Amino acid sequence: MRRALVIGCLALATTLLVVLFVPYAVPLALRSTGWLHRSEHDFSETLTLDSPPEQLYGLLTDYQRLPEWFSACETVEIQRRDGHTLWVATFANGEVASVLGMPLDPPARLTWKFSSKNRHLSGHWDFDLTPQDGGTQLSLKTSGVAHHWIYRLTSESIIDDERNIREFLDALAAESGEPPELQRNKEPE
């Protein structure tokens, strides 16, 4: 009788732990390992720069010079694919990405389609350059997909993609001769 009571109490305690623990522990475990992190990433930013669209477009398509003004990019190797420029970039964080530069309407529109070497991340950056008051309104819309759960985890918690995109835009503005205090107009997503 006493043994049955102990077994019953243990079974009840186990059931209570499962009922109370599993609804919180499983999502926590999945979230902490990246399984519940979002796989898609969209971001947009608009800058108004004093430089003409042709100058900014020239900077955005002179891929070989990218490491000179964007410190996160260490090297660029230029290749060709289907009449477009394919460039392979190595970044300071060790990531290697293939980027296909696709002029859509020079000097007004340009797209960079990218894929990381390990295929964990892919997406595109769309640049729109609109003449405005002797300068340019530059709109950048980015969209990416993290295909692997580890990248989803590090993308949100360690890498901070949005900060990297803003640093790229700041470096582009500085290279075009803009003062460091840029006025940003964040677009609604």
Protein backbone atom coordinates (compact mmCIF):
# COMPACT_ATOMS: atom_id res chain seq x y z
CA MET A 1 0.00 0.00 0.00
CA ARG A 2 2.76 2.37 0.96
CA ARG A 3 4.67 1.54 -2.22
CA ALA A 4 1.60 2.27 -4.35
CA LEU A 5 1.19 5.64 -2.60
CA VAL A 6 4.84 6.57 -3.30
CA ILE A 7 4.52 5.52 -6.95
CA GLY A 8 1.27 7.48 -7.26
CA CYS A 9 2.88 10.59 -5.74
CA LEU A 10 5.85 10.28 -8.08
CA ALA A 11 3.53 9.85 -11.05
CA LEU A 12 1.53 12.93 -10.00
CA ALA A 13 4.71 14.95 -9.48
CA THR A 14 6.02 13.85 -12.88
CA THR A 15 2.74 14.75 -14.54
CA LEU A 16 2.73 18.18 -12.90
CA LEU A 17 6.31 18.81 -14.00
CA VAL A 18 5.51 17.82 -17.56
CA VAL A 19 2.32 19.91 -17.63
CA LEU A 20 4.05 22.94 -16.12
CA PHE A 21 7.49 22.55 -17.67
CA VAL A 22 6.91 21.45 -21.29
CA PRO A 23 4.81 24.45 -22.45
CA TYR A 24 7.63 26.75 -21.36
CA ALA A 25 10.72 24.62 -21.76
CA VAL A 26 10.17 23.40 -25.31
CA PRO A 27 9.61 26.88 -26.84
CA LEU A 28 12.50 28.23 -24.77
CA ALA A 29 14.77 25.44 -25.98
CA LEU A 30 13.66 25.93 -29.58
CA ARG A 31 14.06 29.71 -29.39
CA SER A 32 17.49 29.49 -27.76
CA THR A 33 18.71 27.20 -30.54
CA GLY A 34 17.36 29.34 -33.36
CA TRP A 35 14.46 27.12 -34.44
CA LEU A 36 11.84 29.75 -33.60
CA HIS A 37 13.79 32.75 -34.89
CA ARG A 38 12.43 34.32 -38.03
CA SER A 39 13.99 33.05 -41.21
CA GLU A 40 13.17 36.10 -43.35
CA HIS A 41 14.65 39.54 -42.89
CA ASP A 42 13.35 42.72 -44.50
CA PHE A 43 14.74 46.18 -43.92
CA SER A 44 14.51 49.53 -45.65
CA GLU A 45 16.23 52.86 -45.20
CA THR A 46 16.14 56.15 -47.10
CA LEU A 47 18.92 58.74 -47.17
CA THR A 48 19.05 62.12 -48.80
CA LEU A 49 22.57 62.81 -50.06
CA ASP A 50 24.12 65.84 -51.78
CA SER A 51 25.83 63.69 -54.41
CA PRO A 52 24.22 63.20 -57.83
CA PRO A 53 22.75 59.76 -58.67
CA GLU A 54 25.54 59.08 -61.20
CA GLN A 55 28.23 59.44 -58.52
CA LEU A 56 26.45 57.17 -56.04
CA TYR A 57 25.66 54.65 -58.76
CA GLY A 58 29.35 54.66 -59.69
CA LEU A 59 30.31 53.88 -56.09
CA LEU A 60 27.73 51.09 -55.88
CA THR A 61 28.96 49.44 -59.08
CA ASP A 62 32.72 49.85 -58.53
CA TYR A 63 32.81 46.58 -56.62
CA GLN A 64 36.60 46.30 -56.62
CA ARG A 65 36.84 49.49 -54.50
CA LEU A 66 34.27 48.36 -51.91
CA PRO A 67 36.93 47.21 -49.38
CA GLU A 68 38.53 50.70 -49.57
CA TRP A 69 35.51 52.43 -48.06
CA PHE A 70 33.43 49.72 -46.34
CA SER A 71 35.51 48.30 -43.49
CA ALA A 72 33.36 45.15 -43.05
CA CYS A 73 34.37 44.03 -46.55
CA GLU A 74 37.93 42.74 -46.69
CA THR A 75 38.33 41.51 -50.28
CA VAL A 76 36.41 41.43 -53.54
CA GLU A 77 37.09 39.14 -56.47
CA ILE A 78 35.36 40.15 -59.73
CA GLN A 79 33.86 37.58 -62.10
CA ARG A 80 31.23 37.74 -64.88
CA ARG A 81 27.96 35.84 -65.22
CA ASP A 82 25.34 36.19 -67.95
CA GLY A 83 26.47 39.72 -68.82
CA HIS A 84 26.33 40.86 -65.19
CA THR A 85 29.11 41.38 -62.69
CA LEU A 86 29.45 38.62 -60.13
CA TRP A 87 31.67 39.53 -57.22
CA VAL A 88 32.78 37.34 -54.37
CA ALA A 89 33.30 39.25 -51.14
CA THR A 90 35.05 38.16 -47.96
CA PHE A 91 33.85 40.00 -44.88
CA ALA A 92 35.55 40.77 -41.57
CA ASN A 93 33.30 38.26 -39.76
CA GLY A 94 34.64 35.47 -42.00
CA GLU A 95 31.53 35.25 -44.17
CA VAL A 96 32.07 34.80 -47.91
CA ALA A 97 29.26 35.80 -50.26
CA SER A 98 28.69 35.73 -53.99
CA VAL A 99 26.93 38.88 -55.13
CA LEU A 100 25.42 39.38 -58.57
CA GLY A 101 25.25 43.09 -59.46
CA MET A 102 22.29 43.70 -61.75
CA PRO A 103 21.84 47.19 -63.23
CA LEU A 104 18.11 47.63 -63.80
CA ASP A 105 17.90 51.26 -64.93
CA PRO A 106 21.29 52.99 -64.61
CA PRO A 107 21.80 55.27 -62.71
CA ALA A 108 18.37 55.01 -61.09
CA ARG A 109 18.08 51.36 -60.04
CA LEU A 110 20.43 48.56 -59.10
CA THR A 111 19.97 45.19 -57.42
CA TRP A 112 22.52 43.03 -55.62
CA LYS A 113 21.48 39.37 -55.39
CA PHE A 114 23.58 37.47 -52.88
CA SER A 115 24.17 34.05 -51.45
CA SER A 116 26.63 33.14 -48.72
CA LYS A 117 29.26 30.57 -49.62
CA ASN A 118 27.79 28.01 -47.22
CA ARG A 119 24.29 28.76 -48.62
CA HIS A 120 22.96 29.61 -45.16
CA LEU A 121 21.85 33.08 -46.26
CA SER A 122 20.52 34.52 -49.50
CA GLY A 123 18.58 37.56 -50.60
CA HIS A 124 18.83 40.87 -52.39
CA TRP A 125 19.49 44.59 -51.88
CA ASP A 126 17.50 46.93 -54.10
CA PHE A 127 18.86 50.45 -54.57
CA ASP A 128 16.67 53.25 -55.93
CA LEU A 129 18.42 56.57 -56.65
CA THR A 130 16.09 59.49 -57.29
CA PRO A 131 17.39 62.97 -58.19
CA GLN A 132 16.30 65.46 -55.54
CA ASP A 133 17.26 69.15 -55.11
CA GLY A 134 20.70 68.77 -56.70
CA GLY A 135 21.36 65.56 -54.77
CA THR A 136 19.90 62.08 -54.49
CA GLN A 137 17.30 60.33 -52.43
CA LEU A 138 18.75 56.86 -51.98
CA SER A 139 16.30 54.17 -50.93
CA LEU A 140 17.62 50.77 -49.98
CA LYS A 141 15.32 47.80 -49.47
CA THR A 142 16.88 44.56 -48.35
CA SER A 143 15.35 41.15 -48.12
CA GLY A 144 17.10 38.01 -46.97
CA VAL A 145 16.40 34.45 -45.92
CA ALA A 146 18.39 32.52 -43.33
CA HIS A 147 18.18 28.90 -44.47
CA HIS A 148 19.91 27.35 -41.47
CA TRP A 149 18.76 27.58 -37.85
CA ILE A 150 22.24 28.48 -36.58
CA TYR A 151 22.37 31.54 -38.84
CA ARG A 152 18.85 32.53 -37.74
CA LEU A 153 20.05 32.46 -34.14
CA THR A 154 23.24 34.43 -34.76
CA SER A 155 21.63 36.81 -37.24
CA GLU A 156 19.25 38.18 -34.62
CA SER A 157 21.30 37.91 -31.48
CA ILE A 158 24.93 38.37 -32.52
CA ILE A 159 25.37 39.67 -36.05
CA ASP A 160 22.65 42.39 -36.08
CA ASP A 161 22.01 42.68 -39.82
CA GLU A 162 20.28 46.06 -39.54
CA ARG A 163 23.29 47.62 -37.84
CA ASN A 164 25.54 46.26 -40.61
CA ILE A 165 23.26 47.73 -43.30
CA ARG A 166 23.29 51.12 -41.57
CA GLU A 167 27.10 50.97 -41.31
CA PHE A 168 27.23 50.25 -45.04
CA LEU A 169 25.02 53.28 -45.76
CA ASP A 170 27.11 55.48 -43.47
CA ALA A 171 30.28 54.34 -45.26
CA LEU A 172 28.68 54.99 -48.66
CA ALA A 173 27.65 58.47 -47.55
CA ALA A 174 31.14 59.21 -46.20
CA GLU A 175 32.78 57.97 -49.41
CA SER A 176 30.51 60.26 -51.43
CA GLY A 177 31.66 63.22 -49.33
CA GLU A 178 28.70 63.53 -46.98
CA PRO A 179 29.09 64.79 -43.43
CA PRO A 180 28.76 62.13 -40.72
CA GLU A 181 25.50 63.61 -39.40
CA LEU A 182 23.14 62.20 -42.02
CA GLN A 183 19.45 62.79 -41.88
CA ARG A 184 17.72 59.44 -42.14
CA ASN A 185 14.13 58.91 -43.03
CA LYS A 186 13.18 55.35 -42.14
CA GLU A 187 10.55 53.98 -44.46
CA PRO A 188 7.64 51.97 -43.09
CA GLU A 189 8.10 48.26 -43.71
